[in-house]
N, C-alpha and C. Protein backbone atom coordinates (compact mmCIF):
# COMPACT_ATOMS: atom_id res chain seq x y z
N MET A 1 -3.30 -22.52 10.34
CA MET A 1 -2.95 -21.41 9.47
C MET A 1 -1.49 -21.03 9.68
N GLN A 2 -0.84 -20.63 8.61
CA GLN A 2 0.57 -20.25 8.65
C GLN A 2 0.74 -18.94 9.43
N MET A 3 1.75 -18.93 10.29
CA MET A 3 2.07 -17.71 11.02
C MET A 3 2.92 -16.82 10.13
N LEU A 4 2.79 -15.53 10.30
CA LEU A 4 3.58 -14.59 9.53
C LEU A 4 4.99 -14.50 10.09
N LYS A 5 5.96 -14.41 9.20
CA LYS A 5 7.33 -14.15 9.62
C LYS A 5 7.39 -12.69 10.05
N ALA A 6 8.38 -12.34 10.83
CA ALA A 6 8.50 -10.98 11.36
C ALA A 6 8.58 -9.95 10.23
N ASP A 7 9.35 -10.26 9.18
CA ASP A 7 9.47 -9.29 8.08
C ASP A 7 8.17 -9.15 7.29
N GLU A 8 7.42 -10.26 7.17
CA GLU A 8 6.12 -10.20 6.49
C GLU A 8 5.15 -9.35 7.32
N ARG A 9 5.14 -9.56 8.62
CA ARG A 9 4.27 -8.80 9.51
C ARG A 9 4.62 -7.31 9.44
N GLN A 10 5.90 -7.00 9.40
CA GLN A 10 6.34 -5.61 9.32
C GLN A 10 5.87 -4.96 8.02
N ARG A 11 6.03 -5.66 6.90
CA ARG A 11 5.61 -5.11 5.60
C ARG A 11 4.09 -4.93 5.56
N LEU A 12 3.35 -5.90 6.10
CA LEU A 12 1.89 -5.78 6.13
C LEU A 12 1.46 -4.64 7.03
N THR A 13 2.15 -4.45 8.13
CA THR A 13 1.83 -3.33 9.03
C THR A 13 2.07 -2.00 8.32
N GLN A 14 3.18 -1.90 7.59
CA GLN A 14 3.47 -0.68 6.83
C GLN A 14 2.39 -0.44 5.78
N LEU A 15 2.00 -1.49 5.09
CA LEU A 15 0.97 -1.37 4.07
C LEU A 15 -0.36 -0.95 4.70
N PHE A 16 -0.69 -1.56 5.83
CA PHE A 16 -1.91 -1.20 6.54
C PHE A 16 -1.93 0.30 6.86
N HIS A 17 -0.83 0.80 7.36
CA HIS A 17 -0.76 2.22 7.74
C HIS A 17 -0.84 3.15 6.52
N LYS A 18 -0.39 2.68 5.38
CA LYS A 18 -0.56 3.47 4.14
C LYS A 18 -2.04 3.58 3.78
N PHE A 19 -2.77 2.50 4.00
CA PHE A 19 -4.20 2.50 3.69
C PHE A 19 -5.01 3.27 4.72
N ASP A 20 -4.56 3.26 5.96
CA ASP A 20 -5.25 3.94 7.07
C ASP A 20 -4.89 5.42 7.01
N LYS A 21 -5.49 6.13 6.09
CA LYS A 21 -5.13 7.52 5.80
C LYS A 21 -5.30 8.45 7.00
N ASN A 22 -6.35 8.24 7.81
CA ASN A 22 -6.58 9.16 8.92
C ASN A 22 -5.87 8.71 10.20
N GLY A 23 -5.18 7.59 10.15
CA GLY A 23 -4.38 7.14 11.28
C GLY A 23 -5.14 6.71 12.51
N ASN A 24 -6.41 6.31 12.35
CA ASN A 24 -7.21 5.93 13.52
C ASN A 24 -7.09 4.44 13.89
N GLY A 25 -6.24 3.70 13.14
CA GLY A 25 -6.06 2.29 13.45
C GLY A 25 -7.02 1.36 12.73
N TYR A 26 -7.82 1.92 11.85
CA TYR A 26 -8.78 1.13 11.08
C TYR A 26 -8.77 1.58 9.62
N ILE A 27 -9.04 0.64 8.74
CA ILE A 27 -9.27 0.97 7.33
C ILE A 27 -10.78 0.98 7.17
N ASP A 28 -11.34 2.17 6.93
CA ASP A 28 -12.79 2.25 6.75
C ASP A 28 -13.13 2.01 5.28
N ARG A 29 -14.40 2.03 4.96
CA ARG A 29 -14.85 1.72 3.59
C ARG A 29 -14.21 2.65 2.55
N ASN A 30 -14.14 3.94 2.84
CA ASN A 30 -13.57 4.88 1.87
C ASN A 30 -12.08 4.65 1.68
N GLU A 31 -11.37 4.39 2.77
CA GLU A 31 -9.94 4.11 2.67
C GLU A 31 -9.70 2.80 1.92
N PHE A 32 -10.54 1.81 2.19
CA PHE A 32 -10.42 0.52 1.52
C PHE A 32 -10.71 0.67 0.03
N LYS A 33 -11.73 1.43 -0.29
CA LYS A 33 -12.08 1.67 -1.69
C LYS A 33 -10.93 2.36 -2.42
N ALA A 34 -10.30 3.36 -1.78
CA ALA A 34 -9.17 4.06 -2.39
C ALA A 34 -7.99 3.12 -2.59
N ALA A 35 -7.73 2.25 -1.59
CA ALA A 35 -6.63 1.29 -1.71
C ALA A 35 -6.89 0.31 -2.84
N CYS A 36 -8.12 -0.17 -2.94
CA CYS A 36 -8.47 -1.10 -4.02
C CYS A 36 -8.33 -0.43 -5.38
N LYS A 37 -8.76 0.80 -5.46
CA LYS A 37 -8.64 1.54 -6.72
C LYS A 37 -7.18 1.66 -7.12
N LEU A 38 -6.34 1.92 -6.15
CA LEU A 38 -4.91 2.09 -6.41
C LEU A 38 -4.25 0.79 -6.83
N TYR A 39 -4.58 -0.29 -6.15
CA TYR A 39 -3.90 -1.56 -6.40
C TYR A 39 -4.63 -2.49 -7.37
N LEU A 40 -5.93 -2.35 -7.49
CA LEU A 40 -6.68 -3.24 -8.36
C LEU A 40 -7.17 -2.56 -9.63
N GLY A 41 -7.01 -1.27 -9.71
CA GLY A 41 -7.51 -0.55 -10.88
C GLY A 41 -9.01 -0.40 -10.84
N LYS A 42 -9.64 -0.72 -11.92
CA LYS A 42 -11.10 -0.53 -12.04
C LYS A 42 -11.85 -1.77 -11.55
N ALA A 43 -11.81 -2.01 -10.26
CA ALA A 43 -12.57 -3.11 -9.69
C ALA A 43 -14.02 -2.68 -9.54
N ALA A 44 -14.92 -3.60 -9.77
CA ALA A 44 -16.35 -3.32 -9.62
C ALA A 44 -16.67 -3.05 -8.15
N PRO A 45 -17.59 -2.12 -7.90
CA PRO A 45 -17.98 -1.85 -6.51
C PRO A 45 -18.40 -3.11 -5.75
N SER A 46 -19.06 -4.03 -6.44
CA SER A 46 -19.48 -5.27 -5.77
C SER A 46 -18.27 -6.12 -5.37
N GLU A 47 -17.21 -6.11 -6.18
CA GLU A 47 -15.99 -6.85 -5.83
C GLU A 47 -15.33 -6.24 -4.61
N ILE A 48 -15.28 -4.91 -4.59
CA ILE A 48 -14.68 -4.21 -3.46
C ILE A 48 -15.47 -4.48 -2.19
N GLN A 49 -16.78 -4.41 -2.29
CA GLN A 49 -17.64 -4.67 -1.13
C GLN A 49 -17.47 -6.10 -0.63
N SER A 50 -17.41 -7.05 -1.54
CA SER A 50 -17.24 -8.45 -1.17
C SER A 50 -15.91 -8.67 -0.46
N LEU A 51 -14.86 -8.08 -0.97
CA LEU A 51 -13.55 -8.20 -0.35
C LEU A 51 -13.54 -7.54 1.04
N MET A 52 -14.19 -6.39 1.15
CA MET A 52 -14.27 -5.70 2.44
C MET A 52 -14.98 -6.58 3.47
N VAL A 53 -16.07 -7.20 3.07
CA VAL A 53 -16.84 -8.06 3.98
C VAL A 53 -15.98 -9.25 4.43
N LYS A 54 -15.22 -9.83 3.51
CA LYS A 54 -14.36 -10.97 3.85
C LYS A 54 -13.27 -10.57 4.85
N MET A 55 -12.73 -9.37 4.69
CA MET A 55 -11.64 -8.94 5.55
C MET A 55 -12.13 -8.39 6.89
N ASP A 56 -13.35 -7.88 6.92
CA ASP A 56 -13.93 -7.31 8.15
C ASP A 56 -14.51 -8.44 9.00
N ILE A 57 -13.65 -9.16 9.66
CA ILE A 57 -14.03 -10.39 10.37
C ILE A 57 -15.05 -10.13 11.47
N ASP A 58 -14.89 -9.03 12.21
CA ASP A 58 -15.82 -8.78 13.32
C ASP A 58 -17.09 -8.02 12.88
N GLY A 59 -17.16 -7.66 11.60
CA GLY A 59 -18.38 -7.06 11.05
C GLY A 59 -18.67 -5.65 11.52
N ASN A 60 -17.65 -4.92 11.99
CA ASN A 60 -17.90 -3.55 12.46
C ASN A 60 -17.79 -2.49 11.37
N GLY A 61 -17.59 -2.92 10.13
CA GLY A 61 -17.52 -1.98 9.02
C GLY A 61 -16.14 -1.40 8.79
N MET A 62 -15.16 -1.88 9.55
CA MET A 62 -13.78 -1.40 9.41
C MET A 62 -12.83 -2.59 9.55
N ILE A 63 -11.66 -2.45 8.98
CA ILE A 63 -10.64 -3.50 9.05
C ILE A 63 -9.53 -3.00 9.96
N ASP A 64 -9.28 -3.75 11.04
CA ASP A 64 -8.17 -3.37 11.92
C ASP A 64 -6.92 -4.13 11.49
N LEU A 65 -5.81 -3.82 12.11
CA LEU A 65 -4.54 -4.41 11.73
C LEU A 65 -4.56 -5.93 11.84
N GLU A 66 -5.15 -6.46 12.90
CA GLU A 66 -5.19 -7.92 13.08
C GLU A 66 -6.00 -8.59 11.98
N GLU A 67 -7.15 -8.02 11.64
CA GLU A 67 -7.97 -8.58 10.56
C GLU A 67 -7.20 -8.54 9.24
N PHE A 68 -6.54 -7.42 8.99
CA PHE A 68 -5.78 -7.24 7.77
C PHE A 68 -4.67 -8.30 7.68
N CYS A 69 -3.90 -8.44 8.75
CA CYS A 69 -2.79 -9.40 8.75
C CYS A 69 -3.30 -10.84 8.66
N LEU A 70 -4.39 -11.15 9.33
CA LEU A 70 -4.96 -12.49 9.27
C LEU A 70 -5.38 -12.85 7.84
N CYS A 71 -6.09 -11.95 7.20
CA CYS A 71 -6.53 -12.21 5.82
C CYS A 71 -5.35 -12.31 4.86
N MET A 72 -4.37 -11.45 5.05
CA MET A 72 -3.20 -11.49 4.18
C MET A 72 -2.38 -12.76 4.45
N ALA A 73 -2.31 -13.21 5.70
CA ALA A 73 -1.60 -14.45 6.01
C ALA A 73 -2.26 -15.63 5.30
N LYS A 74 -3.59 -15.65 5.29
CA LYS A 74 -4.32 -16.71 4.58
C LYS A 74 -3.99 -16.66 3.10
N HIS A 75 -3.97 -15.46 2.55
CA HIS A 75 -3.66 -15.29 1.13
C HIS A 75 -2.23 -15.77 0.84
N LEU A 76 -1.29 -15.36 1.68
CA LEU A 76 0.11 -15.77 1.47
C LEU A 76 0.28 -17.28 1.62
N ALA A 77 -0.45 -17.88 2.55
CA ALA A 77 -0.37 -19.33 2.74
C ALA A 77 -0.90 -20.06 1.51
N LYS A 78 -2.00 -19.59 0.96
CA LYS A 78 -2.54 -20.21 -0.26
C LYS A 78 -1.55 -20.10 -1.40
N ARG A 79 -0.91 -18.94 -1.53
CA ARG A 79 0.07 -18.75 -2.61
C ARG A 79 1.26 -19.65 -2.45
N SER A 80 1.74 -19.81 -1.22
CA SER A 80 2.94 -20.63 -1.02
C SER A 80 2.66 -22.11 -1.23
N GLN A 81 1.41 -22.53 -1.08
CA GLN A 81 1.05 -23.94 -1.26
C GLN A 81 0.79 -24.28 -2.72
N SER A 82 0.59 -23.30 -3.55
CA SER A 82 0.29 -23.57 -4.96
C SER A 82 1.57 -23.67 -5.77
N SER A 83 1.50 -24.38 -6.86
CA SER A 83 2.67 -24.53 -7.72
C SER A 83 2.84 -23.28 -8.57
N PRO A 84 4.05 -23.03 -9.09
CA PRO A 84 4.26 -21.87 -9.96
C PRO A 84 3.29 -21.87 -11.15
N GLN A 85 2.99 -23.05 -11.68
CA GLN A 85 2.09 -23.10 -12.82
C GLN A 85 0.68 -22.66 -12.42
N SER A 86 0.23 -23.09 -11.27
CA SER A 86 -1.12 -22.71 -10.86
C SER A 86 -1.19 -21.24 -10.48
N ARG A 87 -0.05 -20.64 -10.12
CA ARG A 87 -0.02 -19.20 -9.81
C ARG A 87 0.18 -18.38 -11.08
N ASN A 88 0.29 -19.05 -12.20
CA ASN A 88 0.53 -18.36 -13.46
C ASN A 88 1.79 -17.50 -13.40
N GLN A 89 2.80 -18.02 -12.73
CA GLN A 89 4.03 -17.26 -12.60
C GLN A 89 4.63 -17.05 -13.98
N LEU A 90 5.00 -15.83 -14.24
CA LEU A 90 5.54 -15.48 -15.54
C LEU A 90 7.01 -15.88 -15.64
N THR A 91 7.44 -16.20 -16.84
CA THR A 91 8.84 -16.52 -17.06
C THR A 91 9.66 -15.24 -17.03
N ASN A 92 10.96 -15.40 -16.83
CA ASN A 92 11.84 -14.23 -16.82
C ASN A 92 11.76 -13.47 -18.15
N ARG A 93 11.63 -14.20 -19.25
CA ARG A 93 11.54 -13.55 -20.56
C ARG A 93 10.27 -12.69 -20.66
N GLN A 94 9.15 -13.25 -20.18
CA GLN A 94 7.89 -12.48 -20.19
C GLN A 94 8.00 -11.25 -19.30
N LEU A 95 8.61 -11.42 -18.15
CA LEU A 95 8.79 -10.29 -17.24
C LEU A 95 9.68 -9.22 -17.87
N LYS A 96 10.76 -9.66 -18.50
CA LYS A 96 11.68 -8.70 -19.14
C LYS A 96 10.98 -7.97 -20.28
N ASP A 97 10.19 -8.68 -21.06
CA ASP A 97 9.46 -8.04 -22.16
C ASP A 97 8.47 -7.01 -21.62
N ALA A 98 7.77 -7.35 -20.55
CA ALA A 98 6.82 -6.41 -19.95
C ALA A 98 7.56 -5.20 -19.38
N PHE A 99 8.66 -5.45 -18.69
CA PHE A 99 9.45 -4.36 -18.13
C PHE A 99 9.94 -3.43 -19.23
N ASP A 100 10.46 -4.00 -20.29
CA ASP A 100 10.97 -3.20 -21.42
C ASP A 100 9.86 -2.37 -22.05
N PHE A 101 8.66 -2.90 -22.09
CA PHE A 101 7.54 -2.16 -22.64
C PHE A 101 7.28 -0.89 -21.82
N PHE A 102 7.36 -1.00 -20.49
CA PHE A 102 7.11 0.15 -19.63
C PHE A 102 8.30 1.10 -19.55
N ASP A 103 9.50 0.57 -19.72
CA ASP A 103 10.72 1.37 -19.67
C ASP A 103 10.94 2.03 -21.03
N LYS A 104 10.16 3.06 -21.30
CA LYS A 104 10.13 3.69 -22.62
C LYS A 104 11.48 4.23 -23.06
N ASP A 105 12.24 4.81 -22.13
CA ASP A 105 13.53 5.41 -22.52
C ASP A 105 14.69 4.42 -22.45
N LYS A 106 14.37 3.16 -22.14
CA LYS A 106 15.35 2.07 -22.10
C LYS A 106 16.52 2.37 -21.15
N SER A 107 16.20 3.02 -20.03
CA SER A 107 17.21 3.39 -19.04
C SER A 107 17.52 2.26 -18.07
N GLY A 108 16.71 1.20 -18.10
CA GLY A 108 16.91 0.11 -17.15
C GLY A 108 16.08 0.25 -15.90
N SER A 109 15.27 1.31 -15.86
CA SER A 109 14.34 1.48 -14.73
C SER A 109 13.10 2.21 -15.23
N ILE A 110 12.02 2.01 -14.52
CA ILE A 110 10.77 2.69 -14.86
C ILE A 110 10.70 3.94 -13.99
N SER A 111 10.76 5.09 -14.64
CA SER A 111 10.76 6.37 -13.93
C SER A 111 9.34 6.69 -13.44
N GLN A 112 9.25 7.71 -12.61
CA GLN A 112 7.95 8.14 -12.13
C GLN A 112 7.05 8.57 -13.29
N SER A 113 7.61 9.27 -14.26
CA SER A 113 6.80 9.71 -15.40
C SER A 113 6.36 8.53 -16.25
N GLU A 114 7.22 7.52 -16.40
CA GLU A 114 6.83 6.32 -17.15
C GLU A 114 5.73 5.56 -16.41
N LEU A 115 5.83 5.49 -15.08
CA LEU A 115 4.81 4.82 -14.30
C LEU A 115 3.47 5.56 -14.42
N ARG A 116 3.52 6.89 -14.40
CA ARG A 116 2.29 7.67 -14.57
C ARG A 116 1.67 7.42 -15.95
N GLN A 117 2.51 7.31 -16.98
CA GLN A 117 2.01 7.03 -18.33
C GLN A 117 1.33 5.67 -18.38
N VAL A 118 1.92 4.69 -17.73
CA VAL A 118 1.34 3.35 -17.69
C VAL A 118 -0.02 3.40 -17.00
N MET A 119 -0.07 4.08 -15.86
CA MET A 119 -1.32 4.16 -15.11
C MET A 119 -2.39 4.89 -15.93
N LYS A 120 -1.97 5.92 -16.64
CA LYS A 120 -2.92 6.65 -17.48
C LYS A 120 -3.44 5.75 -18.61
N ALA A 121 -2.55 4.99 -19.21
CA ALA A 121 -2.94 4.07 -20.28
C ALA A 121 -3.91 3.00 -19.77
N LEU A 122 -3.71 2.59 -18.52
CA LEU A 122 -4.58 1.59 -17.91
C LEU A 122 -5.83 2.22 -17.30
N GLN A 123 -5.95 3.53 -17.46
CA GLN A 123 -7.08 4.30 -16.94
C GLN A 123 -7.21 4.18 -15.43
N VAL A 124 -6.05 4.18 -14.76
CA VAL A 124 -6.01 4.18 -13.30
C VAL A 124 -5.78 5.62 -12.87
N ASP A 125 -6.80 6.20 -12.29
CA ASP A 125 -6.73 7.59 -11.85
C ASP A 125 -6.45 7.61 -10.35
N CYS A 126 -5.40 8.33 -9.95
CA CYS A 126 -5.11 8.42 -8.52
C CYS A 126 -4.52 9.79 -8.21
N SER A 127 -4.66 10.18 -6.97
CA SER A 127 -4.13 11.47 -6.53
C SER A 127 -2.61 11.38 -6.44
N ASP A 128 -1.97 12.52 -6.28
CA ASP A 128 -0.52 12.54 -6.11
C ASP A 128 -0.11 11.75 -4.87
N MET A 129 -0.89 11.86 -3.81
CA MET A 129 -0.59 11.15 -2.57
C MET A 129 -0.70 9.63 -2.78
N GLU A 130 -1.74 9.20 -3.50
CA GLU A 130 -1.90 7.78 -3.79
C GLU A 130 -0.76 7.28 -4.67
N PHE A 131 -0.37 8.10 -5.64
CA PHE A 131 0.73 7.73 -6.53
C PHE A 131 2.02 7.57 -5.73
N GLU A 132 2.29 8.50 -4.83
CA GLU A 132 3.49 8.42 -4.00
C GLU A 132 3.48 7.16 -3.14
N ALA A 133 2.31 6.82 -2.58
CA ALA A 133 2.19 5.61 -1.76
C ALA A 133 2.45 4.37 -2.60
N LEU A 134 1.91 4.35 -3.81
CA LEU A 134 2.14 3.21 -4.70
C LEU A 134 3.62 3.08 -5.03
N LEU A 135 4.22 4.19 -5.43
CA LEU A 135 5.65 4.17 -5.78
C LEU A 135 6.48 3.71 -4.58
N HIS A 136 6.17 4.23 -3.41
CA HIS A 136 6.92 3.87 -2.20
C HIS A 136 6.78 2.38 -1.90
N SER A 137 5.61 1.81 -2.15
CA SER A 137 5.40 0.39 -1.85
C SER A 137 6.14 -0.51 -2.84
N ILE A 138 6.40 -0.01 -4.04
CA ILE A 138 7.10 -0.81 -5.06
C ILE A 138 8.61 -0.58 -4.99
N ASP A 139 9.00 0.66 -4.76
CA ASP A 139 10.40 1.08 -4.82
C ASP A 139 11.14 0.70 -3.53
N SER A 140 11.56 -0.55 -3.43
CA SER A 140 12.14 -1.05 -2.18
C SER A 140 13.50 -0.45 -1.87
N ASN A 141 14.25 0.01 -2.87
CA ASN A 141 15.56 0.60 -2.59
C ASN A 141 15.50 2.12 -2.44
N GLY A 142 14.32 2.70 -2.63
CA GLY A 142 14.12 4.13 -2.37
C GLY A 142 14.78 5.09 -3.34
N ASP A 143 15.09 4.63 -4.56
CA ASP A 143 15.76 5.53 -5.50
C ASP A 143 14.81 6.35 -6.37
N GLY A 144 13.50 6.18 -6.16
CA GLY A 144 12.52 6.98 -6.90
C GLY A 144 12.10 6.40 -8.23
N SER A 145 12.63 5.23 -8.58
CA SER A 145 12.24 4.56 -9.82
C SER A 145 12.10 3.07 -9.53
N ILE A 146 11.59 2.34 -10.52
CA ILE A 146 11.36 0.91 -10.34
C ILE A 146 12.34 0.14 -11.22
N ASP A 147 13.23 -0.60 -10.58
CA ASP A 147 14.18 -1.40 -11.35
C ASP A 147 13.55 -2.77 -11.67
N PHE A 148 14.27 -3.57 -12.42
CA PHE A 148 13.72 -4.85 -12.87
C PHE A 148 13.34 -5.76 -11.71
N ASN A 149 14.20 -5.84 -10.69
CA ASN A 149 13.89 -6.71 -9.55
C ASN A 149 12.63 -6.25 -8.81
N GLU A 150 12.47 -4.95 -8.64
CA GLU A 150 11.27 -4.42 -7.99
C GLU A 150 10.04 -4.70 -8.84
N PHE A 151 10.18 -4.56 -10.14
CA PHE A 151 9.09 -4.85 -11.07
C PHE A 151 8.69 -6.32 -10.97
N CYS A 152 9.67 -7.22 -10.96
CA CYS A 152 9.39 -8.65 -10.85
C CYS A 152 8.67 -8.98 -9.55
N ALA A 153 9.14 -8.38 -8.46
CA ALA A 153 8.51 -8.62 -7.17
C ALA A 153 7.05 -8.16 -7.18
N LEU A 154 6.80 -7.01 -7.79
CA LEU A 154 5.43 -6.49 -7.89
C LEU A 154 4.56 -7.44 -8.71
N VAL A 155 5.00 -7.79 -9.89
CA VAL A 155 4.20 -8.63 -10.78
C VAL A 155 3.97 -9.99 -10.16
N ASN A 156 4.99 -10.60 -9.60
CA ASN A 156 4.82 -11.92 -8.98
C ASN A 156 3.91 -11.86 -7.76
N SER A 157 3.88 -10.73 -7.06
CA SER A 157 2.97 -10.62 -5.93
C SER A 157 1.52 -10.55 -6.37
N LEU A 158 1.28 -10.16 -7.60
CA LEU A 158 -0.08 -10.08 -8.12
C LEU A 158 -0.58 -11.44 -8.59
N TYR A 159 0.31 -12.37 -8.82
CA TYR A 159 -0.06 -13.70 -9.29
C TYR A 159 -0.01 -14.63 -8.16
């Protein structure tokens, strides 16, 4: 299995801590369900349960940092071994068209209000805290909005 690079491990650790809302070092079922809702939208409860079981390697009903990183490393390794075509990687033109669709005011970035409108249109309901966590995970330069490069990174990470 592929080892994680230091920067990948750091990003996964940060993501893990965002999901671990109570800070006990584990992602429990409720925290996992909230994270899935935030990142996957309307996933079926059976899909969420199946994913939880796959990630909970020791079967204790919670995902610790090592389990989380191990599962994500496997996922990243599979992605890196597949061709762009098999990953359904979008072309720059498709990405630009999608970005422009979300950038309603044509400012060159997706504002917080535009992101909320998109989530509402997709029927993704989340608390203010969940919204802030999502924005923080996408907004790599910390300016409070999503630029084209951040948008591309997000979309490509989903494929």
